[in-house]
PDB file of N, CA and C in Angstrom:
ATOM      1  N   UNK A   1     277.870 116.903-103.077  1.00  0.00           N
ATOM      2  CA  UNK A   1     276.442 116.803-102.811  1.00  0.00           C
ATOM      3  C   UNK A   1     276.157 117.126-101.351  1.00  0.00           C
ATOM      4  N   UNK A   2     276.322 116.171-100.453  1.00  0.00           N
ATOM      5  CA  UNK A   2     275.953 116.391 -99.057  1.00  0.00           C
ATOM      6  C   UNK A   2     277.124 117.020 -98.304  1.00  0.00           C
ATOM      7  N   UNK A   3     276.810 118.013 -97.521  1.00  0.00           N
ATOM      8  CA  UNK A   3     277.816 118.691 -96.715  1.00  0.00           C
ATOM      9  C   UNK A   3     277.542 118.358 -95.253  1.00  0.00           C
ATOM     10  N   UNK A   4     278.597 118.361 -94.442  1.00  0.00           N
ATOM     11  CA  UNK A   4     278.376 118.122 -93.021  1.00  0.00           C
ATOM     12  C   UNK A   4     278.612 119.402 -92.230  1.00  0.00           C
ATOM     13  N   UNK A   5     278.402 120.527 -92.871  1.00  0.00           N
ATOM     14  CA  UNK A   5     278.569 121.804 -92.199  1.00  0.00           C
ATOM     15  C   UNK A   5     277.209 122.349 -91.777  1.00  0.00           C
ATOM     16  N   UNK A   6     277.258 123.270 -90.832  1.00  0.00           N
ATOM     17  CA  UNK A   6     276.031 123.908 -90.361  1.00  0.00           C
ATOM     18  C   UNK A   6     275.504 124.839 -91.443  1.00  0.00           C
ATOM     19  N   UNK A   7     274.207 124.782 -91.711  1.00  0.00           N
ATOM     20  CA  UNK A   7     273.633 125.674 -92.726  1.00  0.00           C
ATOM     21  C   UNK A   7     273.777 127.137 -92.310  1.00  0.00           C
ATOM     22  N   UNK A   8     273.801 128.013 -93.309  1.00  0.00           N
ATOM     23  CA  UNK A   8     273.935 129.450 -93.046  1.00  0.00           C
ATOM     24  C   UNK A   8     272.669 130.024 -92.427  1.00  0.00           C
ATOM     25  N   UNK A   9     271.519 129.435 -92.763  1.00  0.00           N
ATOM     26  CA  UNK A   9     270.248 129.948 -92.261  1.00  0.00           C
ATOM     27  C   UNK A   9     269.177 128.866 -92.368  1.00  0.00           C
ATOM     28  N   UNK A  10     268.034 129.138 -91.766  1.00  0.00           N
ATOM     29  CA  UNK A  10     266.887 128.232 -91.866  1.00  0.00           C
ATOM     30  C   UNK A  10     266.506 128.045 -93.329  1.00  0.00           C
ATOM     31  N   UNK A  11     266.468 129.154 -94.065  1.00  0.00           N
ATOM     32  CA  UNK A  11     266.072 129.111 -95.473  1.00  0.00           C
ATOM     33  C   UNK A  11     267.041 128.288 -96.313  1.00  0.00           C
ATOM     34  N   UNK A  12     268.333 128.424 -96.056  1.00  0.00           N
ATOM     35  CA  UNK A  12     269.305 127.637 -96.820  1.00  0.00           C
ATOM     36  C   UNK A  12     269.208 126.159 -96.461  1.00  0.00           C
ATOM     37  N   UNK A  13     268.912 125.863 -95.203  1.00  0.00           N
ATOM     38  CA  UNK A  13     268.726 124.473 -94.793  1.00  0.00           C
ATOM     39  C   UNK A  13     267.508 123.862 -95.487  1.00  0.00           C
ATOM     40  N   UNK A  14     266.428 124.626 -95.550  1.00  0.00           N
ATOM     41  CA  UNK A  14     265.224 124.133 -96.223  1.00  0.00           C
ATOM     42  C   UNK A  14     265.485 123.914 -97.710  1.00  0.00           C
ATOM     43  N   UNK A  15     266.197 124.820 -98.329  1.00  0.00           N
ATOM     44  CA  UNK A  15     266.522 124.708 -99.748  1.00  0.00           C
ATOM     45  C   UNK A  15     267.374 123.467-100.016  1.00  0.00           C
ATOM     46  N   UNK A  16     268.386 123.260 -99.182  1.00  0.00           N
ATOM     47  CA  UNK A  16     269.238 122.077 -99.333  1.00  0.00           C
ATOM     48  C   UNK A  16     268.439 120.804 -99.103  1.00  0.00           C
ATOM     49  N   UNK A  17     267.565 120.818 -98.118  1.00  0.00           N
ATOM     50  CA  UNK A  17     266.734 119.654 -97.826  1.00  0.00           C
ATOM     51  C   UNK A  17     265.813 119.328 -99.005  1.00  0.00           C
ATOM     52  N   UNK A  18     265.202 120.348 -99.584  1.00  0.00           N
ATOM     53  CA  UNK A  18     264.339 120.129-100.746  1.00  0.00           C
ATOM     54  C   UNK A  18     265.122 119.534-101.912  1.00  0.00           C
ATOM     55  N   UNK A  19     266.354 120.015-102.118  1.00  0.00           N
ATOM     56  CA  UNK A  19     267.194 119.487-103.196  1.00  0.00           C
ATOM     57  C   UNK A  19     267.543 118.020-102.937  1.00  0.00           C
ATOM     58  N   UNK A  20     267.857 117.692-101.688  1.00  0.00           N
ATOM     59  CA  UNK A  20     268.169 116.306-101.337  1.00  0.00           C
ATOM     60  C   UNK A  20     266.967 115.399-101.580  1.00  0.00           C
ATOM     61  N   UNK A  21     265.799 115.858-101.176  1.00  0.00           N
ATOM     62  CA  UNK A  21     264.583 115.059-101.353  1.00  0.00           C
ATOM     63  C   UNK A  21     264.322 114.805-102.832  1.00  0.00           C
ATOM     64  N   UNK A  22     264.456 115.848-103.644  1.00  0.00           N
ATOM     65  CA  UNK A  22     264.250 115.704-105.083  1.00  0.00           C
ATOM     66  C   UNK A  22     265.219 114.684-105.673  1.00  0.00           C
ATOM     67  N   UNK A  23     266.479 114.790-105.251  1.00  0.00           N
ATOM     68  CA  UNK A  23     267.513 113.883-105.739  1.00  0.00           C
ATOM     69  C   UNK A  23     267.213 112.444-105.326  1.00  0.00           C
ATOM     70  N   UNK A  24     266.808 112.260-104.079  1.00  0.00           N
ATOM     71  CA  UNK A  24     266.522 110.911-103.589  1.00  0.00           C
ATOM     72  C   UNK A  24     265.272 110.334-104.235  1.00  0.00           C
ATOM     73  N   UNK A  25     264.258 111.168-104.436  1.00  0.00           N
ATOM     74  CA  UNK A  25     263.021 110.693-105.050  1.00  0.00           C
ATOM     75  C   UNK A  25     263.222 110.271-106.499  1.00  0.00           C
ATOM     76  N   UNK A  26     264.231 110.828-107.157  1.00  0.00           N
ATOM     77  CA  UNK A  26     264.517 110.461-108.540  1.00  0.00           C
ATOM     78  C   UNK A  26     264.983 109.004-108.631  1.00  0.00           C
ATOM     79  N   UNK A  27     265.504 108.478-107.535  1.00  0.00           N
ATOM     80  CA  UNK A  27     265.891 107.074-107.490  1.00  0.00           C
ATOM     81  C   UNK A  27     267.144 106.739-108.273  1.00  0.00           C
ATOM     82  N   UNK A  28     267.953 107.724-108.582  1.00  0.00           N
ATOM     83  CA  UNK A  28     269.144 107.492-109.395  1.00  0.00           C
ATOM     84  C   UNK A  28     270.445 107.497-108.591  1.00  0.00           C
ATOM     85  N   UNK A  29     270.368 107.717-107.284  1.00  0.00           N
ATOM     86  CA  UNK A  29     271.575 107.760-106.456  1.00  0.00           C
ATOM     87  C   UNK A  29     272.045 106.347-106.125  1.00  0.00           C
ATOM     88  N   UNK A  30     273.353 106.128-106.128  1.00  0.00           N
ATOM     89  CA  UNK A  30     273.870 104.853-105.648  1.00  0.00           C
ATOM     90  C   UNK A  30     273.609 104.727-104.142  1.00  0.00           C
ATOM     91  N   UNK A  31     273.688 103.535-103.631  1.00  0.00           N
ATOM     92  CA  UNK A  31     273.363 103.267-102.229  1.00  0.00           C
ATOM     93  C   UNK A  31     274.154 104.155-101.274  1.00  0.00           C
ATOM     94  N   UNK A  32     275.464 104.245-101.459  1.00  0.00           N
ATOM     95  CA  UNK A  32     276.286 105.060-100.556  1.00  0.00           C
ATOM     96  C   UNK A  32     275.856 106.522-100.569  1.00  0.00           C
ATOM     97  N   UNK A  33     275.575 107.048-101.754  1.00  0.00           N
ATOM     98  CA  UNK A  33     275.147 108.437-101.864  1.00  0.00           C
ATOM     99  C   UNK A  33     273.770 108.627-101.228  1.00  0.00           C
ATOM    100  N   UNK A  34     272.911 107.633-101.356  1.00  0.00           N
ATOM    101  CA  UNK A  34     271.582 107.705-100.732  1.00  0.00           C
ATOM    102  C   UNK A  34     271.698 107.744 -99.213  1.00  0.00           C
ATOM    103  N   UNK A  35     272.569 106.921 -98.664  1.00  0.00           N
ATOM    104  CA  UNK A  35     272.773 106.916 -97.206  1.00  0.00           C
ATOM    105  C   UNK A  35     273.345 108.245 -96.725  1.00  0.00           C
ATOM    106  N   UNK A  36     274.292 108.792 -97.474  1.00  0.00           N
ATOM    107  CA  UNK A  36     274.877 110.088 -97.119  1.00  0.00           C
ATOM    108  C   UNK A  36     273.812 111.177 -97.173  1.00  0.00           C
ATOM    109  N   UNK A  37     272.995 111.156 -98.216  1.00  0.00           N
ATOM    110  CA  UNK A  37     271.921 112.150 -98.359  1.00  0.00           C
ATOM    111  C   UNK A  37     270.907 112.009 -97.228  1.00  0.00           C
ATOM    112  N   UNK A  38     270.584 110.778 -96.857  1.00  0.00           N
ATOM    113  CA  UNK A  38     269.634 110.528 -95.775  1.00  0.00           C
ATOM    114  C   UNK A  38     270.164 111.089 -94.453  1.00  0.00           C
ATOM    115  N   UNK A  39     271.441 110.837 -94.180  1.00  0.00           N
ATOM    116  CA  UNK A  39     272.058 111.352 -92.945  1.00  0.00           C
ATOM    117  C   UNK A  39     272.058 112.880 -92.936  1.00  0.00           C
ATOM    118  N   UNK A  40     272.420 113.472 -94.075  1.00  0.00           N
ATOM    119  CA  UNK A  40     272.444 114.933 -94.159  1.00  0.00           C
ATOM    120  C   UNK A  40     271.031 115.491 -93.983  1.00  0.00           C
ATOM    121  N   UNK A  41     270.057 114.825 -94.565  1.00  0.00           N
ATOM    122  CA  UNK A  41     268.669 115.248 -94.403  1.00  0.00           C
ATOM    123  C   UNK A  41     268.266 115.263 -92.932  1.00  0.00           C
ATOM    124  N   UNK A  42     268.675 114.240 -92.193  1.00  0.00           N
ATOM    125  CA  UNK A  42     268.396 114.199 -90.756  1.00  0.00           C
ATOM    126  C   UNK A  42     269.036 115.361 -90.020  1.00  0.00           C
ATOM    127  N   UNK A  43     270.281 115.695 -90.388  1.00  0.00           N
ATOM    128  CA  UNK A  43     270.965 116.837 -89.774  1.00  0.00           C
ATOM    129  C   UNK A  43     270.214 118.135 -90.061  1.00  0.00           C
ATOM    130  N   UNK A  44     269.784 118.282 -91.312  1.00  0.00           N
ATOM    131  CA  UNK A  44     269.076 119.500 -91.704  1.00  0.00           C
ATOM    132  C   UNK A  44     267.730 119.618 -90.994  1.00  0.00           C
ATOM    133  N   UNK A  45     267.023 118.508 -90.861  1.00  0.00           N
ATOM    134  CA  UNK A  45     265.737 118.520 -90.153  1.00  0.00           C
ATOM    135  C   UNK A  45     265.939 118.918 -88.699  1.00  0.00           C
ATOM    136  N   UNK A  46     266.940 118.352 -88.050  1.00  0.00           N
ATOM    137  CA  UNK A  46     267.225 118.714 -86.648  1.00  0.00           C
ATOM    138  C   UNK A  46     267.565 120.193 -86.532  1.00  0.00           C
ATOM    139  N   UNK A  47     268.374 120.704 -87.450  1.00  0.00           N
ATOM    140  CA  UNK A  47     268.737 122.117 -87.443  1.00  0.00           C
ATOM    141  C   UNK A  47     267.477 122.983 -87.569  1.00  0.00           C
ATOM    142  N   UNK A  48     266.612 122.644 -88.516  1.00  0.00           N
ATOM    143  CA  UNK A  48     265.387 123.419 -88.726  1.00  0.00           C
ATOM    144  C   UNK A  48     264.477 123.358 -87.501  1.00  0.00           C
ATOM    145  N   UNK A  49     264.358 122.190 -86.890  1.00  0.00           N
ATOM    146  CA  UNK A  49     263.540 122.058 -85.684  1.00  0.00           C
ATOM    147  C   UNK A  49     264.089 122.930 -84.563  1.00  0.00           C
ATOM    148  N   UNK A  50     265.406 122.957 -84.424  1.00  0.00           N
ATOM    149  CA  UNK A  50     266.021 123.796 -83.389  1.00  0.00           C
ATOM    150  C   UNK A  50     265.760 125.271 -83.658  1.00  0.00           C
ATOM    151  N   UNK A  51     265.872 125.672 -84.923  1.00  0.00           N
ATOM    152  CA  UNK A  51     265.630 127.068 -85.279  1.00  0.00           C
ATOM    153  C   UNK A  51     264.177 127.459 -85.014  1.00  0.00           C
ATOM    154  N   UNK A  52     263.248 126.580 -85.352  1.00  0.00           N
ATOM    155  CA  UNK A  52     261.832 126.858 -85.106  1.00  0.00           C
ATOM    156  C   UNK A  52     261.530 126.924 -83.612  1.00  0.00           C
ATOM    157  N   UNK A  53     262.125 126.022 -82.837  1.00  0.00           N
ATOM    158  CA  UNK A  53     261.924 126.038 -81.385  1.00  0.00           C
ATOM    159  C   UNK A  53     262.484 127.326 -80.781  1.00  0.00           C
ATOM    160  N   UNK A  54     263.624 127.761 -81.284  1.00  0.00           N
ATOM    161  CA  UNK A  54     264.222 129.003 -80.796  1.00  0.00           C
ATOM    162  C   UNK A  54     263.333 130.201 -81.135  1.00  0.00           C
ATOM    163  N   UNK A  55     262.815 130.229 -82.350  1.00  0.00           N
ATOM    164  CA  UNK A  55     261.929 131.325 -82.753  1.00  0.00           C
ATOM    165  C   UNK A  55     260.661 131.323 -81.909  1.00  0.00           C
ATOM    166  N   UNK A  56     260.114 130.143 -81.641  1.00  0.00           N
ATOM    167  CA  UNK A  56     258.914 130.048 -80.808  1.00  0.00           C
ATOM    168  C   UNK A  56     259.198 130.567 -79.399  1.00  0.00           C
ATOM    169  N   UNK A  57     260.363 130.216 -78.861  1.00  0.00           N
ATOM    170  CA  UNK A  57     260.734 130.687 -77.515  1.00  0.00           C
ATOM    171  C   UNK A  57     260.860 132.202 -77.494  1.00  0.00           C
ATOM    172  N   UNK A  58     261.447 132.776 -78.533  1.00  0.00           N
ATOM    173  CA  UNK A  58     261.578 134.230 -78.598  1.00  0.00           C
ATOM    174  C   UNK A  58     260.210 134.899 -78.671  1.00  0.00           C
ATOM    175  N   UNK A  59     259.295 134.309 -79.412  1.00  0.00           N
ATOM    176  CA  UNK A  59     257.939 134.857 -79.516  1.00  0.00           C
ATOM    177  C   UNK A  59     257.244 134.782 -78.160  1.00  0.00           C
ATOM    178  N   UNK A  60     257.423 133.671 -77.445  1.00  0.00           N
ATOM    179  CA  UNK A  60     256.823 133.547 -76.121  1.00  0.00           C
ATOM    180  C   UNK A  60     257.334 134.642 -75.191  1.00  0.00           C
ATOM    181  N   UNK A  61     258.629 134.900 -75.245  1.00  0.00           N
ATOM    182  CA  UNK A  61     259.220 135.938 -74.397  1.00  0.00           C
ATOM    183  C   UNK A  61     258.640 137.303 -74.774  1.00  0.00           C
ATOM    184  N   UNK A  62     258.569 137.573 -76.069  1.00  0.00           N
ATOM    185  CA  UNK A  62     258.055 138.867 -76.519  1.00  0.00           C
ATOM    186  C   UNK A  62     256.574 139.040 -76.207  1.00  0.00           C
ATOM    187  N   UNK A  63     255.808 137.946 -76.201  1.00  0.00           N
ATOM    188  CA  UNK A  63     254.372 138.010 -75.938  1.00  0.00           C
ATOM    189  C   UNK A  63     254.028 137.662 -74.492  1.00  0.00           C
ATOM    190  N   UNK A  64     254.993 137.719 -73.606  1.00  0.00           N
ATOM    191  CA  UNK A  64     254.722 137.465 -72.197  1.00  0.00           C
ATOM    192  C   UNK A  64     254.396 136.014 -71.903  1.00  0.00           C
ATOM    193  N   UNK A  65     255.083 135.076 -72.565  1.00  0.00           N
ATOM    194  CA  UNK A  65     254.943 133.634 -72.346  1.00  0.00           C
ATOM    195  C   UNK A  65     253.575 133.095 -72.742  1.00  0.00           C
ATOM    196  N   UNK A  66     252.879 133.777 -73.622  1.00  0.00           N
ATOM    197  CA  UNK A  66     251.576 133.305 -74.096  1.00  0.00           C
ATOM    198  C   UNK A  66     251.596 133.301 -75.620  1.00  0.00           C
ATOM    199  N   UNK A  67     251.477 132.118 -76.214  1.00  0.00           N
ATOM    200  CA  UNK A  67     251.381 132.055 -77.670  1.00  0.00           C
ATOM    201  C   UNK A  67     249.973 132.463 -78.069  1.00  0.00           C
ATOM    202  N   UNK A  68     249.886 133.329 -79.051  1.00  0.00           N
ATOM    203  CA  UNK A  68     248.595 133.831 -79.498  1.00  0.00           C
ATOM    204  C   UNK A  68     248.255 133.242 -80.852  1.00  0.00           C
ATOM    205  N   UNK A  69     246.969 133.060 -81.117  1.00  0.00           N
ATOM    206  CA  UNK A  69     246.534 132.568 -82.408  1.00  0.00           C
ATOM    207  C   UNK A  69     246.822 133.596 -83.473  1.00  0.00           C
ATOM    208  N   UNK A  70     247.197 133.121 -84.651  1.00  0.00           N
ATOM    209  CA  UNK A  70     247.441 134.016 -85.772  1.00  0.00           C
ATOM    210  C   UNK A  70     246.143 134.224 -86.516  1.00  0.00           C
ATOM    211  N   UNK A  71     245.772 135.436 -86.655  1.00  0.00           N
ATOM    212  CA  UNK A  71     244.556 135.809 -87.396  1.00  0.00           C
ATOM    213  C   UNK A  71     244.979 136.642 -88.596  1.00  0.00           C
ATOM    214  N   UNK A  72     244.943 136.064 -89.802  1.00  0.00           N
ATOM    215  CA  UNK A  72     245.326 136.855 -90.976  1.00  0.00           C
ATOM    216  C   UNK A  72     244.409 138.041 -91.157  1.00  0.00           C
ATOM    217  N   UNK A  73     244.999 139.168 -91.550  1.00  0.00           N
ATOM    218  CA  UNK A  73     244.228 140.376 -91.762  1.00  0.00           C
ATOM    219  C   UNK A  73     243.570 140.338 -93.132  1.00  0.00           C
ATOM    220  N   UNK A  74     242.381 140.917 -93.229  1.00  0.00           N
ATOM    221  CA  UNK A  74     241.739 141.078 -94.515  1.00  0.00           C
ATOM    222  C   UNK A  74     240.969 139.879 -95.003  1.00  0.00           C
ATOM    223  N   UNK A  75     240.851 138.814 -94.216  1.00  0.00           N
ATOM    224  CA  UNK A  75     240.038 137.662 -94.633  1.00  0.00           C
ATOM    225  C   UNK A  75     238.565 137.982 -94.376  1.00  0.00           C
ATOM    226  N   UNK A  76     237.805 138.079 -95.418  1.00  0.00           N
ATOM    227  CA  UNK A  76     236.378 138.389 -95.251  1.00  0.00           C
ATOM    228  C   UNK A  76     235.542 137.385 -95.979  1.00  0.00           C
TER     229      UNK A  76
END
């Protein structure tokens, strides 16, 4: 179930996190498995936060240190 390895990507981390949440919400895990899943969920959340912060930093660099508002095209 829970792995203590680094996820392959942001998307795989999100997928694993969603699976853990579904499993925990079902309420069928024994206490030890719930604690392991909770710890792994924390690791995955930290990983995702780091990836998002890194992406934001790259965008700032590419946009000259100014974050710009996203305006979807074609909204009328």
